[in-house]
C-alpha atoms as a PDB file:
ATOM      1  CA  MET A   1     -38.959 -21.761 -80.915  1.00  0.00           C
ATOM      2  CA  ASN A   2     -38.778 -20.225 -77.483  1.00  0.00           C
ATOM      3  CA  ARG A   3     -35.344 -19.706 -76.199  1.00  0.00           C
ATOM      4  CA  LYS A   4     -35.008 -20.035 -72.108  1.00  0.00           C
ATOM      5  CA  LYS A   5     -33.590 -16.659 -70.618  1.00  0.00           C
ATOM      6  CA  GLU A   6     -30.282 -17.289 -69.302  1.00  0.00           C
ATOM      7  CA  ALA A   7     -30.002 -15.905 -65.635  1.00  0.00           C
ATOM      8  CA  TRP A   8     -27.147 -13.950 -64.815  1.00  0.00           C
ATOM      9  CA  LEU A   9     -25.073 -14.616 -61.572  1.00  0.00           C
ATOM     10  CA  TYR A  10     -23.643 -11.020 -60.959  1.00  0.00           C
ATOM     11  CA  THR A  11     -24.495  -7.713 -62.343  1.00  0.00           C
ATOM     12  CA  ILE A  12     -21.814  -5.016 -62.069  1.00  0.00           C
ATOM     13  CA  SER A  13     -23.386  -1.680 -62.174  1.00  0.00           C
ATOM     14  CA  SER A  14     -22.518   1.917 -60.885  1.00  0.00           C
ATOM     15  CA  LYS A  15     -26.058   2.427 -60.007  1.00  0.00           C
ATOM     16  CA  LYS A  16     -26.497   1.712 -56.286  1.00  0.00           C
ATOM     17  CA  ALA A  17     -28.001   3.406 -53.246  1.00  0.00           C
ATOM     18  CA  VAL A  18     -25.686   6.097 -51.759  1.00  0.00           C
ATOM     19  CA  ILE A  19     -25.312   4.211 -48.368  1.00  0.00           C
ATOM     20  CA  ASP A  20     -24.815   0.559 -49.501  1.00  0.00           C
ATOM     21  CA  LEU A  21     -23.036  -1.586 -46.813  1.00  0.00           C
ATOM     22  CA  ASN A  22     -23.318  -4.507 -48.952  1.00  0.00           C
ATOM     23  CA  LEU A  23     -22.450  -6.784 -46.126  1.00  0.00           C
ATOM     24  CA  LYS A  24     -23.548 -10.077 -47.897  1.00  0.00           C
ATOM     25  CA  GLU A  25     -21.065  -9.256 -50.765  1.00  0.00           C
ATOM     26  CA  ILE A  26     -18.208  -8.443 -48.422  1.00  0.00           C
ATOM     27  CA  TRP A  27     -18.744 -11.716 -46.549  1.00  0.00           C
ATOM     28  CA  ARG A  28     -18.691 -13.337 -50.144  1.00  0.00           C
ATOM     29  CA  TYR A  29     -15.219 -12.088 -50.660  1.00  0.00           C
ATOM     30  CA  ARG A  30     -14.018 -12.903 -47.178  1.00  0.00           C
ATOM     31  CA  ASP A  31     -11.292 -14.995 -48.274  1.00  0.00           C
ATOM     32  CA  LEU A  32     -10.003 -11.923 -50.359  1.00  0.00           C
ATOM     33  CA  LEU A  33     -10.124  -9.757 -47.442  1.00  0.00           C
ATOM     34  CA  LEU A  34      -7.865 -12.563 -45.372  1.00  0.00           C
ATOM     35  CA  LEU A  35      -5.486 -12.536 -47.970  1.00  0.00           C
ATOM     36  CA  PHE A  36      -4.850  -8.893 -47.982  1.00  0.00           C
ATOM     37  CA  VAL A  37      -4.586  -8.923 -44.209  1.00  0.00           C
ATOM     38  CA  LYS A  38      -1.978 -11.551 -44.417  1.00  0.00           C
ATOM     39  CA  ARG A  39      -0.046  -9.700 -47.064  1.00  0.00           C
ATOM     40  CA  ASP A  40      -0.032  -6.317 -45.158  1.00  0.00           C
ATOM     41  CA  VAL A  41       1.041  -7.980 -41.880  1.00  0.00           C
ATOM     42  CA  ILE A  42       3.501 -10.534 -43.254  1.00  0.00           C
ATOM     43  CA  THR A  43       4.944  -9.481 -46.515  1.00  0.00           C
ATOM     44  CA  LEU A  44       5.286  -5.895 -45.154  1.00  0.00           C
ATOM     45  CA  TYR A  45       8.099  -6.981 -42.957  1.00  0.00           C
ATOM     46  CA  LYS A  46       9.333  -9.906 -44.662  1.00  0.00           C
ATOM     47  CA  GLN A  47      12.582  -8.443 -46.264  1.00  0.00           C
ATOM     48  CA  THR A  48      13.249  -6.350 -43.369  1.00  0.00           C
ATOM     49  CA  LEU A  49      16.348  -6.654 -40.718  1.00  0.00           C
ATOM     50  CA  LEU A  50      14.075  -6.573 -37.501  1.00  0.00           C
ATOM     51  CA  GLY A  51      10.555  -7.900 -39.080  1.00  0.00           C
ATOM     52  CA  PRO A  52       7.735  -7.709 -36.634  1.00  0.00           C
ATOM     53  CA  LEU A  53      10.051  -6.271 -34.004  1.00  0.00           C
ATOM     54  CA  TRP A  54       9.246  -2.872 -35.155  1.00  0.00           C
ATOM     55  CA  TYR A  55       5.560  -3.317 -34.075  1.00  0.00           C
ATOM     56  CA  LEU A  56       7.509  -3.089 -30.708  1.00  0.00           C
ATOM     57  CA  ILE A  57      10.239  -0.764 -31.101  1.00  0.00           C
ATOM     58  CA  GLN A  58       8.271   2.288 -32.570  1.00  0.00           C
ATOM     59  CA  PRO A  59       5.579   2.545 -29.540  1.00  0.00           C
ATOM     60  CA  LEU A  60       8.727   2.162 -27.090  1.00  0.00           C
ATOM     61  CA  ILE A  61      10.848   4.848 -28.530  1.00  0.00           C
ATOM     62  CA  THR A  62       8.036   7.225 -28.942  1.00  0.00           C
ATOM     63  CA  SER A  63       6.998   6.715 -25.053  1.00  0.00           C
ATOM     64  CA  VAL A  64      10.584   7.297 -23.928  1.00  0.00           C
ATOM     65  CA  ILE A  65      11.077  10.435 -26.235  1.00  0.00           C
ATOM     66  CA  PHE A  66       7.606  11.890 -25.057  1.00  0.00           C
ATOM     67  CA  THR A  67       8.722  10.808 -21.302  1.00  0.00           C
ATOM     68  CA  ILE A  68      12.093  12.936 -21.792  1.00  0.00           C
ATOM     69  CA  ILE A  69      10.882  16.057 -23.503  1.00  0.00           C
ATOM     70  CA  PHE A  70       7.109  16.619 -22.180  1.00  0.00           C
ATOM     71  CA  ASN A  71       7.652  15.250 -18.652  1.00  0.00           C
ATOM     72  CA  GLY A  72      11.246  15.875 -18.068  1.00  0.00           C
ATOM     73  CA  ILE A  73      11.833  18.978 -20.016  1.00  0.00           C
ATOM     74  CA  ALA A  74       8.489  20.595 -20.305  1.00  0.00           C
ATOM     75  CA  ASN A  75       7.630  19.224 -16.707  1.00  0.00           C
ATOM     76  CA  ILE A  76       4.240  18.233 -17.665  1.00  0.00           C
ATOM     77  CA  GLU A  77       2.533  16.801 -14.410  1.00  0.00           C
ATOM     78  CA  ILE A  78       0.587  13.618 -14.523  1.00  0.00           C
ATOM     79  CA  SER A  79      -1.338  11.726 -11.989  1.00  0.00           C
ATOM     80  CA  GLU A  80       0.610  10.708  -8.602  1.00  0.00           C
ATOM     81  CA  GLY A  81       1.401   7.300  -8.249  1.00  0.00           C
ATOM     82  CA  ILE A  82       1.701   6.512 -12.386  1.00  0.00           C
ATOM     83  CA  HIS A  83       5.327   6.331 -14.051  1.00  0.00           C
ATOM     84  CA  PRO A  84       5.431   9.060 -17.021  1.00  0.00           C
ATOM     85  CA  PHE A  85       6.684   6.251 -19.449  1.00  0.00           C
ATOM     86  CA  LEU A  86       3.792   3.984 -18.658  1.00  0.00           C
ATOM     87  CA  PHE A  87       1.321   7.138 -18.867  1.00  0.00           C
ATOM     88  CA  ASN A  88       2.702   7.689 -22.294  1.00  0.00           C
ATOM     89  CA  LEU A  89       2.824   4.262 -23.514  1.00  0.00           C
ATOM     90  CA  ALA A  90      -0.952   4.064 -22.933  1.00  0.00           C
ATOM     91  CA  GLY A  91      -1.527   7.121 -25.008  1.00  0.00           C
ATOM     92  CA  VAL A  92       0.630   5.983 -27.729  1.00  0.00           C
ATOM     93  CA  THR A  93      -0.733   2.509 -27.948  1.00  0.00           C
ATOM     94  CA  ILE A  94      -4.294   3.509 -28.442  1.00  0.00           C
ATOM     95  CA  TRP A  95      -3.477   6.500 -30.716  1.00  0.00           C
ATOM     96  CA  ASN A  96      -1.357   4.276 -33.107  1.00  0.00           C
ATOM     97  CA  TYR A  97      -4.298   1.989 -33.951  1.00  0.00           C
ATOM     98  CA  PHE A  98      -5.934   5.207 -35.062  1.00  0.00           C
ATOM     99  CA  SER A  99      -3.082   6.652 -36.864  1.00  0.00           C
ATOM    100  CA  GLU A 100      -2.617   3.240 -38.760  1.00  0.00           C
ATOM    101  CA  CYS A 101      -6.180   3.095 -39.749  1.00  0.00           C
ATOM    102  CA  LEU A 102      -6.179   6.772 -41.134  1.00  0.00           C
ATOM    103  CA  LYS A 103      -2.806   6.530 -42.918  1.00  0.00           C
ATOM    104  CA  GLY A 104      -3.633   3.174 -44.379  1.00  0.00           C
ATOM    105  CA  THR A 105      -7.166   4.024 -45.736  1.00  0.00           C
ATOM    106  CA  SER A 106      -6.509   7.582 -46.778  1.00  0.00           C
ATOM    107  CA  ASP A 107      -4.170   6.180 -49.579  1.00  0.00           C
ATOM    108  CA  ALA A 108      -6.816   3.289 -50.815  1.00  0.00           C
ATOM    109  CA  PHE A 109      -7.788   4.280 -54.257  1.00  0.00           C
ATOM    110  CA  ARG A 110      -4.412   5.575 -55.530  1.00  0.00           C
ATOM    111  CA  LYS A 111      -2.261   2.709 -54.047  1.00  0.00           C
ATOM    112  CA  ASN A 112      -4.738   0.065 -55.458  1.00  0.00           C
ATOM    113  CA  GLN A 113      -5.515   1.623 -58.831  1.00  0.00           C
ATOM    114  CA  GLY A 114      -3.842  -1.197 -60.597  1.00  0.00           C
ATOM    115  CA  ILE A 115      -5.891  -3.884 -59.050  1.00  0.00           C
ATOM    116  CA  PHE A 116      -9.184  -1.564 -59.222  1.00  0.00           C
ATOM    117  CA  SER A 117      -8.887  -1.199 -62.910  1.00  0.00           C
ATOM    118  CA  LYS A 118      -8.497  -4.958 -63.674  1.00  0.00           C
ATOM    119  CA  VAL A 119     -10.393  -6.857 -61.100  1.00  0.00           C
ATOM    120  CA  TYR A 120     -13.833  -6.666 -59.356  1.00  0.00           C
ATOM    121  CA  PHE A 121     -14.498  -6.868 -55.780  1.00  0.00           C
ATOM    122  CA  PRO A 122     -15.959  -4.560 -52.996  1.00  0.00           C
ATOM    123  CA  ARG A 123     -13.748  -1.580 -52.922  1.00  0.00           C
ATOM    124  CA  VAL A 124     -14.408  -0.890 -49.449  1.00  0.00           C
ATOM    125  CA  ILE A 125     -12.486  -4.198 -48.543  1.00  0.00           C
ATOM    126  CA  MET A 126      -9.264  -2.700 -48.969  1.00  0.00           C
ATOM    127  CA  PRO A 127     -10.000   0.149 -46.198  1.00  0.00           C
ATOM    128  CA  LEU A 128     -11.364  -2.912 -44.273  1.00  0.00           C
ATOM    129  CA  THR A 129      -7.990  -4.800 -44.808  1.00  0.00           C
ATOM    130  CA  THR A 130      -6.271  -1.812 -43.390  1.00  0.00           C
ATOM    131  CA  VAL A 131      -8.395  -1.554 -40.251  1.00  0.00           C
ATOM    132  CA  ILE A 132      -8.185  -5.399 -39.247  1.00  0.00           C
ATOM    133  CA  SER A 133      -4.207  -5.274 -40.090  1.00  0.00           C
ATOM    134  CA  ALA A 134      -3.706  -2.474 -37.947  1.00  0.00           C
ATOM    135  CA  LEU A 135      -5.960  -4.195 -35.255  1.00  0.00           C
ATOM    136  CA  ILE A 136      -3.586  -6.915 -35.283  1.00  0.00           C
ATOM    137  CA  LYS A 137      -0.571  -4.546 -34.906  1.00  0.00           C
ATOM    138  CA  PHE A 138      -2.623  -2.952 -31.773  1.00  0.00           C
ATOM    139  CA  GLY A 139      -3.137  -6.373 -30.149  1.00  0.00           C
ATOM    140  CA  ILE A 140       0.546  -7.024 -30.241  1.00  0.00           C
ATOM    141  CA  GLN A 141       1.392  -3.507 -28.828  1.00  0.00           C
ATOM    142  CA  PHE A 142      -1.260  -3.689 -26.343  1.00  0.00           C
ATOM    143  CA  LEU A 143       0.198  -6.941 -24.879  1.00  0.00           C
ATOM    144  CA  ILE A 144       3.710  -4.870 -24.528  1.00  0.00           C
ATOM    145  CA  PHE A 145       1.510  -2.424 -22.571  1.00  0.00           C
ATOM    146  CA  VAL A 146       0.157  -4.822 -20.304  1.00  0.00           C
ATOM    147  CA  GLY A 147       3.694  -6.327 -19.722  1.00  0.00           C
ATOM    148  CA  PHE A 148       5.013  -2.973 -18.780  1.00  0.00           C
ATOM    149  CA  TYR A 149       1.837  -2.341 -16.594  1.00  0.00           C
ATOM    150  CA  VAL A 150       2.222  -5.523 -14.527  1.00  0.00           C
ATOM    151  CA  PHE A 151       5.943  -4.381 -14.458  1.00  0.00           C
ATOM    152  CA  PHE A 152       5.336  -1.193 -12.962  1.00  0.00           C
ATOM    153  CA  SER A 153       2.262  -2.311 -10.786  1.00  0.00           C
ATOM    154  CA  LEU A 154       5.056  -4.458  -8.882  1.00  0.00           C
ATOM    155  CA  ASN A 155       6.343  -1.097  -7.894  1.00  0.00           C
ATOM    156  CA  ASN A 156       3.286   1.064  -7.059  1.00  0.00           C
ATOM    157  CA  GLU A 157       3.777   2.948 -10.047  1.00  0.00           C
ATOM    158  CA  ALA A 158       0.533   1.917 -12.412  1.00  0.00           C
ATOM    159  CA  GLY A 159      -2.672   2.791 -10.393  1.00  0.00           C
ATOM    160  CA  SER A 160      -5.324   0.765 -10.113  1.00  0.00           C
ATOM    161  CA  ILE A 161      -7.528  -1.038 -12.972  1.00  0.00           C
ATOM    162  CA  ALA A 162     -11.086   0.858 -12.909  1.00  0.00           C
ATOM    163  CA  PHE A 163     -12.762  -2.729 -13.201  1.00  0.00           C
ATOM    164  CA  GLU A 164     -16.352  -1.398 -13.086  1.00  0.00           C
ATOM    165  CA  ALA A 165     -15.887   0.291 -16.647  1.00  0.00           C
ATOM    166  CA  ILE A 166     -13.228  -2.041 -18.114  1.00  0.00           C
ATOM    167  CA  TRP A 167     -16.156  -3.480 -20.500  1.00  0.00           C
ATOM    168  CA  LEU A 168     -15.393   0.038 -22.375  1.00  0.00           C
ATOM    169  CA  LEU A 169     -12.175  -1.160 -23.921  1.00  0.00           C
ATOM    170  CA  PRO A 170     -13.567  -2.974 -26.862  1.00  0.00           C
ATOM    171  CA  ILE A 171     -15.613   0.190 -27.385  1.00  0.00           C
ATOM    172  CA  LEU A 172     -12.595   2.483 -27.347  1.00  0.00           C
ATOM    173  CA  VAL A 173     -10.771   0.462 -29.745  1.00  0.00           C
ATOM    174  CA  LEU A 174     -13.651   0.178 -32.253  1.00  0.00           C
ATOM    175  CA  VAL A 175     -14.246   3.967 -31.889  1.00  0.00           C
ATOM    176  CA  MET A 176     -10.818   4.602 -32.943  1.00  0.00           C
ATOM    177  CA  GLY A 177     -10.839   1.883 -35.868  1.00  0.00           C
ATOM    178  CA  LEU A 178     -14.200   3.777 -37.227  1.00  0.00           C
ATOM    179  CA  LEU A 179     -12.558   7.126 -36.799  1.00  0.00           C
ATOM    180  CA  GLY A 180      -9.691   6.369 -38.810  1.00  0.00           C
ATOM    181  CA  LEU A 181     -11.560   4.247 -41.289  1.00  0.00           C
ATOM    182  CA  GLY A 182     -14.181   7.150 -41.836  1.00  0.00           C
ATOM    183  CA  LEU A 183     -11.753   9.985 -42.148  1.00  0.00           C
ATOM    184  CA  GLY A 184      -9.294   7.873 -44.192  1.00  0.00           C
ATOM    185  CA  MET A 185     -12.126   7.049 -46.852  1.00  0.00           C
ATOM    186  CA  VAL A 186     -12.768  10.772 -46.994  1.00  0.00           C
ATOM    187  CA  ILE A 187      -9.418  11.809 -47.443  1.00  0.00           C
ATOM    188  CA  SER A 188      -8.896   8.785 -50.074  1.00  0.00           C
ATOM    189  CA  SER A 189     -11.850  10.050 -52.175  1.00  0.00           C
ATOM    190  CA  MET A 190     -10.339  13.455 -52.178  1.00  0.00           C
ATOM    191  CA  THR A 191      -6.774  12.553 -53.144  1.00  0.00           C
ATOM    192  CA  THR A 192      -8.167  11.023 -56.576  1.00  0.00           C
ATOM    193  CA  LYS A 193      -8.616  14.607 -57.837  1.00  0.00           C
ATOM    194  CA  TYR A 194      -5.912  16.426 -55.425  1.00  0.00           C
ATOM    195  CA  ARG A 195      -2.803  14.295 -55.357  1.00  0.00           C
ATOM    196  CA  ASP A 196      -1.036  16.855 -53.154  1.00  0.00           C
ATOM    197  CA  LEU A 197      -3.424  16.011 -50.110  1.00  0.00           C
ATOM    198  CA  THR A 198      -1.373  12.872 -49.654  1.00  0.00           C
ATOM    199  CA  PHE A 199       1.555  14.920 -48.488  1.00  0.00           C
ATOM    200  CA  LEU A 200      -0.364  16.486 -46.093  1.00  0.00           C
ATOM    201  CA  VAL A 201      -1.713  13.316 -43.958  1.00  0.00           C
ATOM    202  CA  GLY A 202       1.413  12.669 -42.212  1.00  0.00           C
ATOM    203  CA  PHE A 203       1.643  16.281 -41.191  1.00  0.00           C
ATOM    204  CA  GLY A 204      -1.968  16.356 -40.371  1.00  0.00           C
ATOM    205  CA  VAL A 205      -1.704  13.228 -38.097  1.00  0.00           C
ATOM    206  CA  GLN A 206       1.050  14.664 -36.260  1.00  0.00           C
ATOM    207  CA  LEU A 207      -0.776  17.905 -35.568  1.00  0.00           C
ATOM    208  CA  LEU A 208      -3.961  15.864 -34.578  1.00  0.00           C
ATOM    209  CA  MET A 209      -1.826  13.892 -31.894  1.00  0.00           C
ATOM    210  CA  TYR A 210      -0.969  17.253 -30.223  1.00  0.00           C
ATOM    211  CA  ILE A 211      -4.287  18.189 -29.605  1.00  0.00           C
ATOM    212  CA  SER A 212      -5.317  14.844 -29.023  1.00  0.00           C
ATOM    213  CA  ALA A 213      -4.033  14.088 -25.405  1.00  0.00           C
ATOM    214  CA  VAL A 214      -1.433  11.458 -26.180  1.00  0.00           C
ATOM    215  CA  MET A 215       1.321  12.863 -24.048  1.00  0.00           C
ATOM    216  CA  TYR A 216      -0.646  14.617 -21.570  1.00  0.00           C
ATOM    217  CA  PRO A 217      -3.506  14.901 -19.240  1.00  0.00           C
ATOM    218  CA  ILE A 218      -6.574  16.631 -20.635  1.00  0.00           C
ATOM    219  CA  ASP A 219      -7.287  18.503 -17.254  1.00  0.00           C
ATOM    220  CA  ALA A 220      -3.536  19.499 -16.850  1.00  0.00           C
ATOM    221  CA  ALA A 221      -3.138  20.937 -20.522  1.00  0.00           C
ATOM    222  CA  VAL A 222      -6.568  22.914 -20.064  1.00  0.00           C
ATOM    223  CA  GLN A 223      -5.186  24.212 -16.668  1.00  0.00           C
ATOM    224  CA  LYS A 224      -1.947  25.318 -18.035  1.00  0.00           C
ATOM    225  CA  ILE A 225      -3.586  27.117 -21.214  1.00  0.00           C
ATOM    226  CA  ALA A 226      -5.871  29.088 -19.078  1.00  0.00           C
ATOM    227  CA  ASN A 227      -2.880  30.007 -16.790  1.00  0.00           C
ATOM    228  CA  ASN A 228      -0.299  30.850 -19.609  1.00  0.00           C
ATOM    229  CA  PHE A 229      -2.264  31.875 -22.471  1.00  0.00           C
ATOM    230  CA  PRO A 230      -5.429  33.063 -21.211  1.00  0.00           C
ATOM    231  CA  GLU A 231      -6.271  35.008 -24.491  1.00  0.00           C
ATOM    232  CA  MET A 232      -6.141  31.665 -26.385  1.00  0.00           C
ATOM    233  CA  ALA A 233      -7.592  29.257 -23.864  1.00  0.00           C
ATOM    234  CA  PRO A 234     -11.322  30.257 -24.971  1.00  0.00           C
ATOM    235  CA  PHE A 235     -10.508  28.818 -28.625  1.00  0.00           C
ATOM    236  CA  ILE A 236      -7.793  26.067 -27.622  1.00  0.00           C
ATOM    237  CA  ASN A 237      -9.413  24.123 -24.672  1.00  0.00           C
ATOM    238  CA  PRO A 238     -12.778  23.602 -26.325  1.00  0.00           C
ATOM    239  CA  ILE A 239     -10.956  21.889 -28.964  1.00  0.00           C
ATOM    240  CA  ILE A 240      -9.109  19.768 -26.741  1.00  0.00           C
ATOM    241  CA  LYS A 241     -12.094  18.820 -24.334  1.00  0.00           C
ATOM    242  CA  ASN A 242     -14.325  18.295 -27.318  1.00  0.00           C
ATOM    243  CA  ASN A 243     -11.865  16.050 -29.310  1.00  0.00           C
ATOM    244  CA  PRO A 244     -13.337  12.746 -29.516  1.00  0.00           C
ATOM    245  CA  LEU A 245      -9.998  11.183 -30.068  1.00  0.00           C
ATOM    246  CA  ALA A 246      -8.755  12.991 -26.527  1.00  0.00           C
ATOM    247  CA  ASN A 247     -11.685  11.638 -24.727  1.00  0.00           C
ATOM    248  CA  VAL A 248     -10.954   8.018 -25.929  1.00  0.00           C
ATOM    249  CA  ILE A 249      -7.546   8.302 -25.000  1.00  0.00           C
ATOM    250  CA  ASP A 250      -8.357   9.919 -21.612  1.00  0.00           C
ATOM    251  CA  THR A 251     -10.826   7.091 -20.863  1.00  0.00           C
ATOM    252  CA  PHE A 252      -8.376   4.546 -21.927  1.00  0.00           C
ATOM    253  CA  ARG A 253      -6.000   5.716 -19.138  1.00  0.00           C
ATOM    254  CA  TYR A 254      -8.769   5.835 -16.837  1.00  0.00           C
ATOM    255  CA  LEU A 255      -9.687   2.232 -17.338  1.00  0.00           C
ATOM    256  CA  PHE A 256      -6.056   1.430 -16.467  1.00  0.00           C
ATOM    257  CA  PHE A 257      -4.924   4.061 -14.055  1.00  0.00           C
ATOM    258  CA  SER A 258      -8.326   4.856 -12.432  1.00  0.00           C
ATOM    259  CA  GLN A 259      -7.255   8.441 -12.506  1.00  0.00           C
ATOM    260  CA  GLY A 260      -8.245  11.350 -14.719  1.00  0.00           C
ATOM    261  CA  SER A 261     -11.640  12.118 -16.391  1.00  0.00           C
ATOM    262  CA  PHE A 262     -14.287   9.904 -17.296  1.00  0.00           C
ATOM    263  CA  SER A 263     -17.452  10.837 -18.587  1.00  0.00           C
ATOM    264  CA  ALA A 264     -20.572   9.098 -20.108  1.00  0.00           C
ATOM    265  CA  LYS A 265     -21.805  11.875 -21.728  1.00  0.00           C
ATOM    266  CA  SER A 266     -18.437  12.260 -23.559  1.00  0.00           C
ATOM    267  CA  ILE A 267     -18.393   8.663 -24.494  1.00  0.00           C
ATOM    268  CA  ILE A 268     -21.706   8.972 -25.994  1.00  0.00           C
ATOM    269  CA  LEU A 269     -20.825  12.039 -27.873  1.00  0.00           C
ATOM    270  CA  THR A 270     -17.917  10.354 -29.157  1.00  0.00           C
ATOM    271  CA  LEU A 271     -20.068   7.447 -30.357  1.00  0.00           C
ATOM    272  CA  VAL A 272     -22.311   9.931 -32.006  1.00  0.00           C
ATOM    273  CA  VAL A 273     -19.589  11.581 -33.697  1.00  0.00           C
ATOM    274  CA  THR A 274     -17.696   8.624 -34.668  1.00  0.00           C
ATOM    275  CA  LEU A 275     -20.819   6.704 -36.395  1.00  0.00           C
ATOM    276  CA  VAL A 276     -21.624  10.328 -38.281  1.00  0.00           C
ATOM    277  CA  ILE A 277     -17.989  10.472 -39.500  1.00  0.00           C
ATOM    278  CA  THR A 278     -17.956   6.780 -40.587  1.00  0.00           C
ATOM    279  CA  LEU A 279     -21.302   7.149 -42.455  1.00  0.00           C
ATOM    280  CA  ILE A 280     -20.152  10.296 -44.420  1.00  0.00           C
ATOM    281  CA  GLY A 281     -16.771   8.449 -45.315  1.00  0.00           C
ATOM    282  CA  LEU A 282     -18.732   5.726 -46.602  1.00  0.00           C
ATOM    283  CA  ILE A 283     -21.343   7.709 -48.523  1.00  0.00           C
ATOM    284  CA  ILE A 284     -18.012   9.629 -50.298  1.00  0.00           C
ATOM    285  CA  PHE A 285     -16.078   6.451 -50.498  1.00  0.00           C
ATOM    286  CA  ASN A 286     -19.213   5.010 -52.683  1.00  0.00           C
ATOM    287  CA  LYS A 287     -19.628   7.902 -54.776  1.00  0.00           C
ATOM    288  CA  THR A 288     -15.988   8.331 -55.468  1.00  0.00           C
ATOM    289  CA  GLU A 289     -15.888   4.418 -56.172  1.00  0.00           C
ATOM    290  CA  LYS A 290     -18.124   4.935 -59.448  1.00  0.00           C
ATOM    291  CA  SER A 291     -15.828   7.148 -61.387  1.00  0.00           C
ATOM    292  CA  PHE A 292     -12.281   7.551 -59.416  1.00  0.00           C
ATOM    293  CA  ILE A 293     -10.463   5.257 -62.463  1.00  0.00           C
ATOM    294  CA  ASP A 294     -11.299   8.428 -64.638  1.00  0.00           C
ATOM    295  CA  THR A 295      -9.575  10.611 -62.494  1.00  0.00           C
ATOM    296  CA  VAL A 296      -6.805   8.844 -60.561  1.00  0.00           C
END
């Protein structure tokens, strides 16, 4: 008697290609992805006093502090005709998206080990959840920036929009998200074995912010370092000028103020670096996914 072979719907196996985007499976679990996004956006602030207002308070307070310290006390000059607060708010707004993506994805394995050990779903959904959740937060903060931009425009303190290059805005946001995702996946994979790296993420993000032109124009910083620290300039200035994050932030300001530097070459280089970092992060993440439960 011939017995008909059973056809399995799914096969869960650790043997997979090193680079496996697995977009079909991610699309199949899109409802779960949206559920996690809803959890991150809503329940995170559900029992807080101010709730989603924290999305607004943080960039505003940070921009005020930067304006007082760097533009007031340190006397860092910015482009003429642009209010220092608006200048800093632009940098903080786009930087926060990268920061949220990096910090959220850098702890993906350890934070979700309970779920990962019980239920199967594409593990990369967790980092993607962080990126999408942070994008919603960025959208809210960007609207706040637009509101202040309109206000300062009425007082001729906002420069002018570079309409010929405004199409670059979604590309800049995408670059920041992918950079945060790629670096976060690398760090998340490393923290499964080295827990102390988790404590260095916050410090590393703060240090990275200071070399990413968040609170100063790149040209002004390079000139000041060359004048005041000539012996250190050959080492520090190339880091600032070639930092992809600094290029994105400087270009973001150029789009809205039409002042500062803009280079198609730097944008292309930034895109290449972003794709390489994201690819490396995905490779390491996929490799760690196979055995992390034994080491986490």
